[in-house]
């Protein structure tokens, strides 16, 4: 099963060790269920650094881009719970991207996830899309891998929410996001160097910096389905 829906929210942040246990308790038992109760939210997944770092990667899969500005979501963003109000200031170096799903091949979940943040050189958008589409199709069938997905940030126009203000203001955003899922960490990690060291990739991105990290699945929750 590929990524669910046509839109996604992809987020990265760091959490100091002293807050980690309470954060995971809150995120698993209050925040995920709250988000999965919003119409249009289909699945949430939380990932931790596979190399023992302080970073988290969280992704929400949405039925449609319009969910990003839906009344149900905006109501929650502007009415954080007391526990959310306590924990959100501890999200350091937040990057929050509201995205359209351009490509999704294979399975959307596995033990490991490589996430890359990229920016195309002006005029190279179509070429970069074609390169990553072909890479995703090939990667999804490799031993050790299960799927690959391309997201592009398209931030909707809206006022800063109460949750953003708690975190200190406007969140930063990635540009293009490429995710490779797999059950073998060596296979997932190999894609990192393969992409970043590609002459084609350097031609498509120019001098724009790229960022990558490998994460391990910590928790996932899907929306309740009507019976």
N, C-alpha and C. Protein backbone atom coordinates (compact mmCIF):
# COMPACT_ATOMS: atom_id res chain seq x y z
N UNK A 1 0.85 -1.20 0.00
CA UNK A 1 0.00 0.00 0.00
C UNK A 1 0.88 1.24 0.00
N UNK A 2 0.68 2.14 -0.94
CA UNK A 2 1.47 3.37 -1.02
C UNK A 2 0.97 4.38 0.02
N UNK A 3 1.51 5.58 -0.04
CA UNK A 3 1.01 6.63 0.82
C UNK A 3 -0.50 6.79 0.62
N UNK A 4 -1.22 6.95 1.71
CA UNK A 4 -2.66 7.10 1.65
C UNK A 4 -3.01 8.54 1.29
N UNK A 5 -3.85 8.72 0.30
CA UNK A 5 -4.32 10.04 -0.03
C UNK A 5 -3.39 10.81 -0.96
N UNK A 6 -3.74 12.07 -1.20
CA UNK A 6 -3.07 12.91 -2.18
C UNK A 6 -2.26 14.04 -1.55
N UNK A 7 -2.25 14.13 -0.23
CA UNK A 7 -1.52 15.20 0.44
C UNK A 7 -0.89 14.66 1.71
N UNK A 8 0.03 15.43 2.27
CA UNK A 8 0.72 14.97 3.47
C UNK A 8 1.29 16.17 4.22
N UNK A 9 1.53 15.96 5.50
CA UNK A 9 2.28 16.90 6.32
C UNK A 9 3.53 16.16 6.78
N UNK A 10 4.70 16.67 6.42
CA UNK A 10 5.97 16.05 6.79
C UNK A 10 6.71 17.00 7.74
N UNK A 11 7.15 16.46 8.88
CA UNK A 11 7.75 17.31 9.91
C UNK A 11 9.00 16.66 10.48
N UNK A 12 9.96 17.50 10.82
CA UNK A 12 11.18 17.07 11.49
C UNK A 12 11.43 18.02 12.65
N UNK A 13 11.90 17.46 13.76
CA UNK A 13 12.35 18.30 14.86
C UNK A 13 13.23 17.48 15.79
N UNK A 14 13.90 18.19 16.69
CA UNK A 14 14.73 17.56 17.71
C UNK A 14 14.03 17.69 19.06
N UNK A 15 14.30 16.73 19.94
CA UNK A 15 13.71 16.74 21.28
C UNK A 15 14.81 16.35 22.27
N UNK A 16 15.03 17.18 23.27
CA UNK A 16 16.07 16.87 24.24
C UNK A 16 15.72 15.60 25.01
N UNK A 17 16.72 14.81 25.43
CA UNK A 17 16.45 13.54 26.12
C UNK A 17 15.55 13.68 27.34
N UNK A 18 15.64 14.82 28.04
CA UNK A 18 14.84 15.00 29.25
C UNK A 18 13.35 15.08 28.99
N UNK A 19 12.95 15.41 27.77
CA UNK A 19 11.54 15.51 27.43
C UNK A 19 11.04 14.32 26.62
N UNK A 20 11.92 13.45 26.23
CA UNK A 20 11.57 12.42 25.25
C UNK A 20 10.47 11.48 25.74
N UNK A 21 10.56 10.96 26.95
CA UNK A 21 9.58 9.98 27.44
C UNK A 21 8.18 10.60 27.49
N UNK A 22 8.08 11.82 28.04
CA UNK A 22 6.76 12.44 28.13
C UNK A 22 6.24 12.79 26.73
N UNK A 23 7.14 13.23 25.85
CA UNK A 23 6.73 13.54 24.49
C UNK A 23 6.12 12.32 23.81
N UNK A 24 6.78 11.16 23.90
CA UNK A 24 6.26 9.97 23.23
C UNK A 24 4.94 9.52 23.84
N UNK A 25 4.78 9.71 25.15
CA UNK A 25 3.51 9.39 25.81
C UNK A 25 2.41 10.29 25.28
N UNK A 26 2.66 11.60 25.26
CA UNK A 26 1.68 12.56 24.74
C UNK A 26 1.37 12.31 23.27
N UNK A 27 2.41 12.13 22.48
CA UNK A 27 2.22 12.00 21.04
C UNK A 27 1.45 10.73 20.70
N UNK A 28 1.68 9.65 21.44
CA UNK A 28 1.03 8.38 21.17
C UNK A 28 -0.40 8.33 21.68
N UNK A 29 -0.63 8.87 22.88
CA UNK A 29 -1.91 8.66 23.56
C UNK A 29 -2.87 9.84 23.48
N UNK A 30 -2.37 11.03 23.16
CA UNK A 30 -3.28 12.16 22.99
C UNK A 30 -3.21 12.74 21.58
N UNK A 31 -2.00 13.08 21.12
CA UNK A 31 -1.90 13.86 19.89
C UNK A 31 -2.26 13.05 18.64
N UNK A 32 -1.73 11.85 18.51
CA UNK A 32 -2.09 11.02 17.36
C UNK A 32 -3.59 10.75 17.30
N UNK A 33 -4.21 10.29 18.40
CA UNK A 33 -5.67 10.07 18.33
C UNK A 33 -6.44 11.35 17.99
N UNK A 34 -5.99 12.49 18.51
CA UNK A 34 -6.65 13.75 18.18
C UNK A 34 -6.57 14.03 16.68
N UNK A 35 -5.38 13.91 16.12
CA UNK A 35 -5.21 14.17 14.69
C UNK A 35 -5.99 13.16 13.84
N UNK A 36 -5.98 11.90 14.24
CA UNK A 36 -6.69 10.90 13.45
C UNK A 36 -8.21 11.03 13.55
N UNK A 37 -8.67 11.86 14.48
CA UNK A 37 -10.10 12.14 14.57
C UNK A 37 -10.56 13.26 13.66
N UNK A 38 -9.61 13.93 12.99
CA UNK A 38 -9.95 15.03 12.08
C UNK A 38 -10.35 14.45 10.73
N UNK A 39 -11.48 14.83 10.17
CA UNK A 39 -11.87 14.33 8.85
C UNK A 39 -10.78 14.61 7.81
N UNK A 40 -10.43 13.59 7.05
CA UNK A 40 -9.41 13.74 6.03
C UNK A 40 -8.04 13.25 6.44
N UNK A 41 -7.79 13.08 7.74
CA UNK A 41 -6.53 12.51 8.21
C UNK A 41 -6.65 10.99 8.16
N UNK A 42 -5.76 10.34 7.42
CA UNK A 42 -5.87 8.90 7.17
C UNK A 42 -4.88 8.07 7.99
N UNK A 43 -3.66 8.57 8.14
CA UNK A 43 -2.65 7.80 8.88
C UNK A 43 -1.56 8.75 9.36
N UNK A 44 -1.09 8.49 10.57
CA UNK A 44 0.06 9.20 11.12
C UNK A 44 1.16 8.22 11.45
N UNK A 45 2.41 8.63 11.26
CA UNK A 45 3.53 7.77 11.63
C UNK A 45 4.62 8.62 12.27
N UNK A 46 5.24 8.07 13.31
CA UNK A 46 6.33 8.75 14.01
C UNK A 46 7.58 7.88 13.90
N UNK A 47 8.68 8.52 13.59
CA UNK A 47 9.94 7.82 13.37
C UNK A 47 11.02 8.49 14.22
N UNK A 48 11.94 7.69 14.75
CA UNK A 48 13.07 8.21 15.53
C UNK A 48 14.37 7.97 14.78
N UNK A 49 15.37 8.75 15.10
CA UNK A 49 16.66 8.62 14.44
C UNK A 49 17.17 7.19 14.55
N UNK A 50 17.55 6.61 13.42
CA UNK A 50 18.06 5.24 13.42
C UNK A 50 19.47 5.14 13.96
N UNK A 51 20.12 6.29 14.14
CA UNK A 51 21.50 6.30 14.59
C UNK A 51 21.65 6.86 16.01
N UNK A 52 20.53 6.92 16.73
CA UNK A 52 20.59 7.32 18.13
C UNK A 52 20.57 8.81 18.38
N UNK A 53 20.26 9.62 17.38
CA UNK A 53 20.20 11.06 17.57
C UNK A 53 18.90 11.51 18.23
N UNK A 54 18.73 12.81 18.37
CA UNK A 54 17.57 13.36 19.06
C UNK A 54 16.43 13.71 18.11
N UNK A 55 16.59 13.42 16.82
CA UNK A 55 15.62 13.84 15.83
C UNK A 55 14.43 12.90 15.69
N UNK A 56 13.29 13.49 15.34
CA UNK A 56 12.07 12.76 14.99
C UNK A 56 11.64 13.17 13.59
N UNK A 57 11.00 12.23 12.92
CA UNK A 57 10.30 12.52 11.66
C UNK A 57 8.86 12.06 11.84
N UNK A 58 7.92 12.93 11.54
CA UNK A 58 6.50 12.61 11.67
C UNK A 58 5.81 12.96 10.36
N UNK A 59 4.94 12.06 9.91
CA UNK A 59 4.19 12.32 8.69
C UNK A 59 2.72 11.97 8.88
N UNK A 60 1.86 12.88 8.43
CA UNK A 60 0.43 12.63 8.37
C UNK A 60 0.04 12.51 6.91
N UNK A 61 -0.70 11.48 6.58
CA UNK A 61 -1.19 11.25 5.23
C UNK A 61 -2.65 11.67 5.17
N UNK A 62 -2.99 12.51 4.19
CA UNK A 62 -4.29 13.15 4.11
C UNK A 62 -5.02 12.76 2.82
N UNK A 63 -6.34 12.74 2.89
CA UNK A 63 -7.09 12.35 1.71
C UNK A 63 -6.93 13.33 0.56
N UNK A 64 -6.86 14.63 0.86
CA UNK A 64 -6.80 15.65 -0.19
C UNK A 64 -6.08 16.88 0.32
N UNK A 65 -5.57 17.68 -0.60
CA UNK A 65 -4.87 18.91 -0.23
C UNK A 65 -5.79 19.85 0.56
N UNK A 66 -7.07 19.86 0.24
CA UNK A 66 -8.01 20.76 0.92
C UNK A 66 -8.10 20.50 2.42
N UNK A 67 -7.71 19.31 2.86
CA UNK A 67 -7.75 18.99 4.29
C UNK A 67 -6.84 19.92 5.09
N UNK A 68 -5.79 20.44 4.46
CA UNK A 68 -4.85 21.33 5.14
C UNK A 68 -5.50 22.62 5.62
N UNK A 69 -6.58 23.01 5.00
CA UNK A 69 -7.27 24.24 5.40
C UNK A 69 -8.72 23.95 5.80
N UNK A 70 -9.00 22.72 6.14
CA UNK A 70 -10.36 22.34 6.52
C UNK A 70 -10.72 22.88 7.90
N UNK A 71 -11.99 23.16 8.14
CA UNK A 71 -12.40 23.65 9.46
C UNK A 71 -11.99 22.72 10.60
N UNK A 72 -12.12 21.39 10.38
CA UNK A 72 -11.76 20.47 11.43
C UNK A 72 -10.31 20.56 11.85
N UNK A 73 -9.42 20.72 10.87
CA UNK A 73 -7.99 20.83 11.18
C UNK A 73 -7.66 22.19 11.80
N UNK A 74 -8.19 23.26 11.21
CA UNK A 74 -7.89 24.59 11.74
C UNK A 74 -8.42 24.75 13.16
N UNK A 75 -9.55 24.15 13.46
CA UNK A 75 -10.07 24.21 14.83
C UNK A 75 -9.10 23.61 15.82
N UNK A 76 -8.48 22.47 15.45
CA UNK A 76 -7.54 21.83 16.35
C UNK A 76 -6.25 22.64 16.47
N UNK A 77 -5.77 23.18 15.36
CA UNK A 77 -4.54 23.98 15.38
C UNK A 77 -4.68 25.22 16.25
N UNK A 78 -5.88 25.72 16.37
CA UNK A 78 -6.10 26.94 17.14
C UNK A 78 -6.67 26.70 18.52
N UNK A 79 -6.77 25.44 18.94
CA UNK A 79 -7.25 25.11 20.28
C UNK A 79 -6.41 23.98 20.87
N UNK A 80 -5.09 24.20 21.03
CA UNK A 80 -4.24 23.13 21.57
C UNK A 80 -4.62 22.78 23.00
N UNK A 81 -4.47 21.52 23.33
CA UNK A 81 -4.77 21.06 24.68
C UNK A 81 -3.69 21.56 25.65
N UNK A 82 -3.96 21.51 26.95
CA UNK A 82 -2.93 21.89 27.91
C UNK A 82 -1.65 21.07 27.76
N UNK A 83 -1.78 19.77 27.48
CA UNK A 83 -0.59 18.92 27.31
C UNK A 83 0.17 19.33 26.06
N UNK A 84 -0.55 19.63 24.98
CA UNK A 84 0.11 20.11 23.77
C UNK A 84 0.83 21.43 24.04
N UNK A 85 0.19 22.32 24.78
CA UNK A 85 0.78 23.61 25.09
C UNK A 85 2.07 23.45 25.89
N UNK A 86 2.14 22.43 26.69
CA UNK A 86 3.34 22.16 27.47
C UNK A 86 4.46 21.57 26.62
N UNK A 87 4.12 20.66 25.70
CA UNK A 87 5.15 19.92 24.96
C UNK A 87 5.64 20.63 23.71
N UNK A 88 4.78 21.39 23.04
CA UNK A 88 5.18 21.95 21.75
C UNK A 88 6.36 22.92 21.82
N UNK A 89 6.55 23.68 22.90
CA UNK A 89 7.74 24.53 22.95
C UNK A 89 9.05 23.73 22.98
N UNK A 90 8.97 22.43 23.26
CA UNK A 90 10.17 21.59 23.32
C UNK A 90 10.54 21.02 21.94
N UNK A 91 9.74 21.31 20.91
CA UNK A 91 10.05 20.89 19.53
C UNK A 91 11.10 21.86 18.98
N UNK A 92 12.35 21.42 18.92
CA UNK A 92 13.43 22.30 18.49
C UNK A 92 13.72 22.11 17.00
N UNK A 93 14.12 23.20 16.35
CA UNK A 93 14.53 23.15 14.93
C UNK A 93 13.41 22.57 14.06
N UNK A 94 12.20 23.03 14.29
CA UNK A 94 11.03 22.50 13.58
C UNK A 94 11.06 22.83 12.09
N UNK A 95 10.84 21.81 11.28
CA UNK A 95 10.56 21.97 9.86
C UNK A 95 9.23 21.29 9.60
N UNK A 96 8.30 22.03 9.05
CA UNK A 96 6.94 21.53 8.86
C UNK A 96 6.51 21.85 7.44
N UNK A 97 6.32 20.82 6.63
CA UNK A 97 5.99 20.99 5.23
C UNK A 97 4.60 20.43 4.93
N UNK A 98 3.77 21.27 4.34
CA UNK A 98 2.44 20.87 3.91
C UNK A 98 2.52 20.59 2.41
N UNK A 99 2.24 19.35 2.03
CA UNK A 99 2.70 18.84 0.74
C UNK A 99 1.58 18.25 -0.11
N UNK A 100 1.84 18.25 -1.41
CA UNK A 100 1.11 17.42 -2.36
C UNK A 100 1.96 16.18 -2.64
N UNK A 101 1.31 15.04 -2.81
CA UNK A 101 2.00 13.81 -3.15
C UNK A 101 2.13 13.73 -4.67
N UNK A 102 3.37 13.76 -5.16
CA UNK A 102 3.59 13.66 -6.60
C UNK A 102 3.74 12.22 -7.07
N UNK A 103 4.45 11.42 -6.28
CA UNK A 103 4.67 10.02 -6.63
C UNK A 103 4.64 9.18 -5.37
N UNK A 104 4.12 7.96 -5.48
CA UNK A 104 4.15 7.02 -4.37
C UNK A 104 4.07 5.61 -4.92
N UNK A 105 5.13 4.83 -4.67
CA UNK A 105 5.24 3.49 -5.22
C UNK A 105 5.52 2.51 -4.08
N UNK A 106 4.87 1.35 -4.11
CA UNK A 106 5.13 0.33 -3.10
C UNK A 106 4.43 0.62 -1.79
N UNK A 107 5.02 0.19 -0.70
CA UNK A 107 4.42 0.33 0.62
C UNK A 107 4.78 1.64 1.29
N UNK A 108 3.85 2.19 2.04
CA UNK A 108 4.09 3.45 2.72
C UNK A 108 4.73 3.33 4.07
N UNK A 109 4.80 2.13 4.62
CA UNK A 109 5.41 1.92 5.93
C UNK A 109 6.38 0.74 5.87
N UNK A 110 7.44 0.84 6.63
CA UNK A 110 8.39 -0.26 6.83
C UNK A 110 9.21 0.11 8.06
N UNK A 111 10.16 -0.71 8.41
CA UNK A 111 10.92 -0.45 9.64
C UNK A 111 11.74 0.83 9.54
N UNK A 112 12.31 1.10 8.36
CA UNK A 112 13.21 2.24 8.20
C UNK A 112 12.68 3.20 7.14
N UNK A 113 13.05 4.47 7.27
CA UNK A 113 12.71 5.49 6.29
C UNK A 113 13.89 6.42 6.10
N UNK A 114 14.34 6.54 4.88
CA UNK A 114 15.30 7.57 4.50
C UNK A 114 14.50 8.78 4.06
N UNK A 115 14.77 9.94 4.63
CA UNK A 115 14.12 11.17 4.19
C UNK A 115 15.18 12.12 3.66
N UNK A 116 14.95 12.63 2.47
CA UNK A 116 15.83 13.62 1.86
C UNK A 116 15.05 14.90 1.60
N UNK A 117 15.66 16.03 1.90
CA UNK A 117 15.08 17.33 1.59
C UNK A 117 15.93 17.96 0.49
N UNK A 118 15.29 18.29 -0.63
CA UNK A 118 15.98 18.75 -1.83
C UNK A 118 15.32 20.00 -2.37
N UNK A 119 16.06 20.75 -3.18
CA UNK A 119 15.51 21.90 -3.88
C UNK A 119 16.00 21.87 -5.32
N UNK A 120 15.08 21.87 -6.29
CA UNK A 120 15.51 21.84 -7.69
C UNK A 120 16.11 23.17 -8.13
N UNK A 121 17.07 23.11 -9.02
CA UNK A 121 17.58 24.30 -9.67
C UNK A 121 16.48 24.86 -10.58
N UNK A 122 16.41 26.17 -10.68
CA UNK A 122 15.37 26.80 -11.52
C UNK A 122 15.42 26.23 -12.93
N UNK A 123 14.28 25.79 -13.41
CA UNK A 123 14.19 25.20 -14.73
C UNK A 123 14.40 23.71 -14.77
N UNK A 124 14.78 23.10 -13.63
CA UNK A 124 15.06 21.66 -13.59
C UNK A 124 13.98 20.86 -12.88
N UNK A 125 12.85 21.51 -12.59
CA UNK A 125 11.81 20.83 -11.83
C UNK A 125 11.31 19.57 -12.54
N UNK A 126 11.02 19.66 -13.81
CA UNK A 126 10.50 18.50 -14.53
C UNK A 126 11.54 17.38 -14.61
N UNK A 127 12.79 17.75 -14.82
CA UNK A 127 13.85 16.75 -14.91
C UNK A 127 14.07 16.06 -13.57
N UNK A 128 14.03 16.83 -12.49
CA UNK A 128 14.19 16.23 -11.16
C UNK A 128 13.02 15.30 -10.85
N UNK A 129 11.82 15.73 -11.21
CA UNK A 129 10.64 14.89 -11.00
C UNK A 129 10.79 13.57 -11.75
N UNK A 130 11.21 13.63 -13.00
CA UNK A 130 11.36 12.42 -13.80
C UNK A 130 12.43 11.50 -13.21
N UNK A 131 13.53 12.08 -12.75
CA UNK A 131 14.62 11.28 -12.16
C UNK A 131 14.13 10.55 -10.91
N UNK A 132 13.45 11.27 -10.02
CA UNK A 132 13.01 10.66 -8.77
C UNK A 132 11.85 9.69 -9.00
N UNK A 133 11.01 9.95 -10.00
CA UNK A 133 9.95 9.01 -10.33
C UNK A 133 10.55 7.67 -10.79
N UNK A 134 11.56 7.74 -11.64
CA UNK A 134 12.21 6.52 -12.11
C UNK A 134 12.94 5.81 -10.98
N UNK A 135 13.59 6.59 -10.11
CA UNK A 135 14.30 5.98 -8.98
C UNK A 135 13.31 5.29 -8.06
N UNK A 136 12.17 5.91 -7.80
CA UNK A 136 11.17 5.31 -6.91
C UNK A 136 10.66 4.00 -7.47
N UNK A 137 10.38 3.96 -8.76
CA UNK A 137 9.86 2.73 -9.37
C UNK A 137 10.86 1.60 -9.25
N UNK A 138 12.15 1.90 -9.46
CA UNK A 138 13.19 0.87 -9.36
C UNK A 138 13.45 0.48 -7.91
N UNK A 139 13.50 1.48 -7.03
CA UNK A 139 13.85 1.20 -5.63
C UNK A 139 12.80 0.35 -4.93
N UNK A 140 11.54 0.57 -5.24
CA UNK A 140 10.47 -0.14 -4.55
C UNK A 140 10.55 -1.65 -4.75
N UNK A 141 11.23 -2.10 -5.80
CA UNK A 141 11.32 -3.53 -6.10
C UNK A 141 12.62 -4.16 -5.63
N UNK A 142 13.51 -3.38 -5.02
CA UNK A 142 14.81 -3.92 -4.62
C UNK A 142 14.72 -4.73 -3.32
N UNK A 143 15.59 -5.71 -3.15
CA UNK A 143 15.67 -6.40 -1.87
C UNK A 143 16.01 -5.41 -0.76
N UNK A 144 15.31 -5.52 0.35
CA UNK A 144 15.54 -4.64 1.48
C UNK A 144 14.71 -3.38 1.48
N UNK A 145 14.09 -3.05 0.34
CA UNK A 145 13.27 -1.84 0.23
C UNK A 145 11.82 -2.22 -0.05
N UNK A 146 10.92 -1.30 0.29
CA UNK A 146 9.49 -1.57 0.10
C UNK A 146 8.73 -0.48 -0.63
N UNK A 147 9.25 0.73 -0.68
CA UNK A 147 8.52 1.80 -1.33
C UNK A 147 9.32 3.08 -1.38
N UNK A 148 8.87 4.02 -2.20
CA UNK A 148 9.51 5.33 -2.32
C UNK A 148 8.45 6.35 -2.71
N UNK A 149 8.64 7.60 -2.23
CA UNK A 149 7.57 8.59 -2.33
C UNK A 149 8.16 9.98 -2.50
N UNK A 150 7.54 10.77 -3.37
CA UNK A 150 7.98 12.13 -3.63
C UNK A 150 6.88 13.11 -3.24
N UNK A 151 7.22 14.05 -2.37
CA UNK A 151 6.30 15.09 -1.92
C UNK A 151 6.88 16.45 -2.29
N UNK A 152 6.02 17.38 -2.62
CA UNK A 152 6.44 18.75 -2.91
C UNK A 152 5.63 19.70 -2.04
N UNK A 153 6.31 20.58 -1.33
CA UNK A 153 5.64 21.51 -0.44
C UNK A 153 4.84 22.54 -1.23
N UNK A 154 3.61 22.75 -0.78
CA UNK A 154 2.72 23.76 -1.35
C UNK A 154 1.97 24.37 -0.17
N UNK A 155 2.60 25.33 0.49
CA UNK A 155 2.05 25.87 1.73
C UNK A 155 0.80 26.70 1.46
N UNK A 156 -0.32 26.34 2.06
CA UNK A 156 -1.54 27.14 1.84
C UNK A 156 -1.44 28.50 2.53
N UNK A 157 -2.13 29.46 1.97
CA UNK A 157 -2.16 30.79 2.57
C UNK A 157 -3.11 30.78 3.76
N UNK A 158 -2.56 31.07 4.92
CA UNK A 158 -3.37 31.09 6.13
C UNK A 158 -2.60 31.82 7.23
N UNK A 159 -3.33 32.35 8.18
CA UNK A 159 -2.70 33.05 9.29
C UNK A 159 -1.99 32.06 10.21
N UNK A 160 -1.00 32.54 10.93
CA UNK A 160 -0.30 31.70 11.90
C UNK A 160 -1.31 31.17 12.92
N UNK A 161 -1.18 29.89 13.25
CA UNK A 161 -2.12 29.27 14.18
C UNK A 161 -1.60 29.37 15.61
N UNK A 162 -2.46 29.02 16.56
CA UNK A 162 -2.06 29.03 17.97
C UNK A 162 -0.91 28.05 18.21
N UNK A 163 -0.94 26.89 17.56
CA UNK A 163 0.15 25.93 17.74
C UNK A 163 1.47 26.49 17.23
N UNK A 164 1.46 27.16 16.09
CA UNK A 164 2.68 27.78 15.57
C UNK A 164 3.21 28.82 16.54
N UNK A 165 2.33 29.61 17.09
CA UNK A 165 2.76 30.65 18.02
C UNK A 165 3.38 30.05 19.28
N UNK A 166 2.84 28.93 19.74
CA UNK A 166 3.43 28.25 20.89
C UNK A 166 4.85 27.82 20.58
N UNK A 167 5.09 27.39 19.34
CA UNK A 167 6.42 26.94 18.94
C UNK A 167 7.36 28.09 18.60
N UNK A 168 6.88 29.31 18.70
CA UNK A 168 7.76 30.45 18.50
C UNK A 168 7.57 31.20 17.21
N UNK A 169 6.51 30.93 16.46
CA UNK A 169 6.26 31.68 15.24
C UNK A 169 6.20 30.81 14.02
N UNK A 170 6.55 31.37 12.88
CA UNK A 170 6.44 30.70 11.61
C UNK A 170 7.40 29.52 11.53
N UNK A 171 6.87 28.35 11.15
CA UNK A 171 7.71 27.16 10.98
C UNK A 171 8.48 27.26 9.67
N UNK A 172 9.68 26.69 9.66
CA UNK A 172 10.40 26.54 8.40
C UNK A 172 9.79 25.37 7.62
N UNK A 173 10.06 25.33 6.32
CA UNK A 173 9.52 24.27 5.48
C UNK A 173 10.60 23.75 4.56
N UNK A 174 10.50 22.47 4.20
CA UNK A 174 11.35 21.89 3.17
C UNK A 174 10.80 22.31 1.82
N UNK A 175 11.45 21.89 0.75
CA UNK A 175 11.00 22.20 -0.60
C UNK A 175 10.45 20.91 -1.23
N UNK A 176 11.33 20.06 -1.73
CA UNK A 176 10.95 18.74 -2.21
C UNK A 176 11.42 17.71 -1.19
N UNK A 177 10.61 16.67 -1.01
CA UNK A 177 10.91 15.63 -0.03
C UNK A 177 10.82 14.27 -0.71
N UNK A 178 11.88 13.49 -0.55
CA UNK A 178 11.90 12.15 -1.12
C UNK A 178 12.11 11.16 0.01
N UNK A 179 11.25 10.16 0.09
CA UNK A 179 11.27 9.18 1.18
C UNK A 179 11.43 7.79 0.59
N UNK A 180 12.36 7.02 1.13
CA UNK A 180 12.53 5.62 0.74
C UNK A 180 12.31 4.76 1.98
N UNK A 181 11.37 3.82 1.90
CA UNK A 181 11.08 2.90 3.00
C UNK A 181 11.71 1.54 2.74
N UNK A 182 12.08 0.85 3.83
CA UNK A 182 12.64 -0.48 3.67
C UNK A 182 12.76 -1.21 4.99
N UNK A 183 13.01 -2.52 4.90
CA UNK A 183 13.15 -3.35 6.09
C UNK A 183 14.60 -3.67 6.41
N UNK A 184 15.53 -3.29 5.53
CA UNK A 184 16.96 -3.53 5.75
C UNK A 184 17.67 -2.19 5.76
N UNK A 185 18.29 -1.84 6.87
CA UNK A 185 18.87 -0.50 6.99
C UNK A 185 19.98 -0.26 5.99
N UNK A 186 20.76 -1.29 5.64
CA UNK A 186 21.84 -1.10 4.68
C UNK A 186 21.30 -0.73 3.31
N UNK A 187 20.19 -1.35 2.92
CA UNK A 187 19.59 -1.04 1.62
C UNK A 187 19.03 0.38 1.60
N UNK A 188 18.42 0.78 2.71
CA UNK A 188 17.87 2.13 2.80
C UNK A 188 19.00 3.16 2.77
N UNK A 189 20.04 2.92 3.55
CA UNK A 189 21.16 3.85 3.62
C UNK A 189 21.87 3.96 2.27
N UNK A 190 21.95 2.86 1.55
CA UNK A 190 22.61 2.89 0.24
C UNK A 190 21.95 3.88 -0.72
N UNK A 191 20.65 4.03 -0.61
CA UNK A 191 19.94 4.98 -1.48
C UNK A 191 20.36 6.41 -1.19
N UNK A 192 20.72 6.68 0.04
CA UNK A 192 21.16 8.03 0.42
C UNK A 192 22.35 8.45 -0.42
N UNK A 193 23.42 7.67 -0.36
CA UNK A 193 24.60 8.01 -1.13
C UNK A 193 24.37 7.93 -2.63
N UNK A 194 23.56 6.98 -3.04
CA UNK A 194 23.27 6.81 -4.46
C UNK A 194 22.64 8.06 -5.05
N UNK A 195 21.71 8.65 -4.33
CA UNK A 195 21.02 9.84 -4.83
C UNK A 195 21.90 11.08 -4.68
N UNK A 196 22.46 11.29 -3.51
CA UNK A 196 23.20 12.52 -3.27
C UNK A 196 24.50 12.58 -4.08
N UNK A 197 25.06 11.42 -4.42
CA UNK A 197 26.30 11.40 -5.20
C UNK A 197 26.06 11.30 -6.71
N UNK A 198 24.81 11.30 -7.12
CA UNK A 198 24.47 11.17 -8.53
C UNK A 198 24.82 12.46 -9.28
N UNK A 199 25.51 12.30 -10.42
CA UNK A 199 25.81 13.47 -11.24
C UNK A 199 24.53 14.12 -11.75
N UNK A 200 23.52 13.30 -12.06
CA UNK A 200 22.24 13.85 -12.50
C UNK A 200 21.61 14.70 -11.41
N UNK A 201 21.64 14.19 -10.19
CA UNK A 201 21.05 14.93 -9.09
C UNK A 201 21.74 16.27 -8.89
N UNK A 202 23.06 16.27 -8.96
CA UNK A 202 23.79 17.53 -8.80
C UNK A 202 23.45 18.51 -9.92
N UNK A 203 23.21 17.99 -11.11
CA UNK A 203 22.83 18.86 -12.22
C UNK A 203 21.44 19.44 -12.01
N UNK A 204 20.54 18.67 -11.40
CA UNK A 204 19.17 19.13 -11.21
C UNK A 204 19.02 20.07 -10.02
N UNK A 205 19.90 19.93 -9.03
CA UNK A 205 19.78 20.74 -7.82
C UNK A 205 20.82 21.85 -7.74
N UNK A 206 21.85 21.81 -8.58
CA UNK A 206 22.87 22.85 -8.56
C UNK A 206 23.57 22.93 -7.23
N UNK A 207 23.70 24.14 -6.72
CA UNK A 207 24.40 24.35 -5.44
C UNK A 207 23.45 24.31 -4.25
N UNK A 208 22.18 24.05 -4.49
CA UNK A 208 21.22 24.01 -3.38
C UNK A 208 21.58 22.89 -2.41
N UNK A 209 21.65 23.18 -1.12
CA UNK A 209 22.02 22.14 -0.16
C UNK A 209 20.97 21.06 -0.05
N UNK A 210 21.41 19.83 0.15
CA UNK A 210 20.51 18.70 0.38
C UNK A 210 20.74 18.19 1.80
N UNK A 211 19.70 17.62 2.38
CA UNK A 211 19.77 17.11 3.76
C UNK A 211 19.15 15.73 3.77
N UNK A 212 19.72 14.81 4.55
CA UNK A 212 19.17 13.46 4.61
C UNK A 212 19.38 12.87 6.00
N UNK A 213 18.51 11.92 6.35
CA UNK A 213 18.62 11.18 7.61
C UNK A 213 17.81 9.91 7.49
N UNK A 214 18.23 8.87 8.23
CA UNK A 214 17.52 7.60 8.26
C UNK A 214 16.83 7.48 9.62
N UNK A 215 15.57 7.05 9.58
CA UNK A 215 14.76 6.93 10.79
C UNK A 215 14.21 5.52 10.94
N UNK A 216 13.83 5.20 12.16
CA UNK A 216 13.25 3.89 12.50
C UNK A 216 11.81 4.11 12.98
N UNK A 217 10.89 3.30 12.52
CA UNK A 217 9.49 3.46 12.86
C UNK A 217 9.27 3.24 14.35
N UNK A 218 8.58 4.21 14.97
CA UNK A 218 8.30 4.16 16.40
C UNK A 218 6.83 3.85 16.68
N UNK A 219 5.93 4.51 15.92
CA UNK A 219 4.49 4.32 16.18
C UNK A 219 3.70 4.80 14.96
N UNK A 220 2.60 4.14 14.72
CA UNK A 220 1.71 4.57 13.64
C UNK A 220 0.26 4.35 14.05
N UNK A 221 -0.62 5.19 13.51
CA UNK A 221 -2.04 5.08 13.83
C UNK A 221 -2.84 5.50 12.61
N UNK A 222 -3.88 4.74 12.29
CA UNK A 222 -4.76 5.07 11.19
C UNK A 222 -6.11 5.54 11.74
N UNK A 223 -6.78 6.32 10.92
CA UNK A 223 -8.11 6.78 11.29
C UNK A 223 -9.07 5.61 11.37
N UNK A 224 -10.03 5.70 12.27
CA UNK A 224 -11.05 4.67 12.38
C UNK A 224 -11.88 4.65 11.10
N UNK A 225 -12.20 3.48 10.63
CA UNK A 225 -12.98 3.35 9.41
C UNK A 225 -14.42 2.99 9.73
N UNK A 226 -15.32 3.60 8.99
CA UNK A 226 -16.73 3.33 9.21
C UNK A 226 -17.05 1.88 8.85
N UNK A 227 -17.92 1.26 9.62
CA UNK A 227 -18.30 -0.12 9.36
C UNK A 227 -19.70 -0.18 8.79
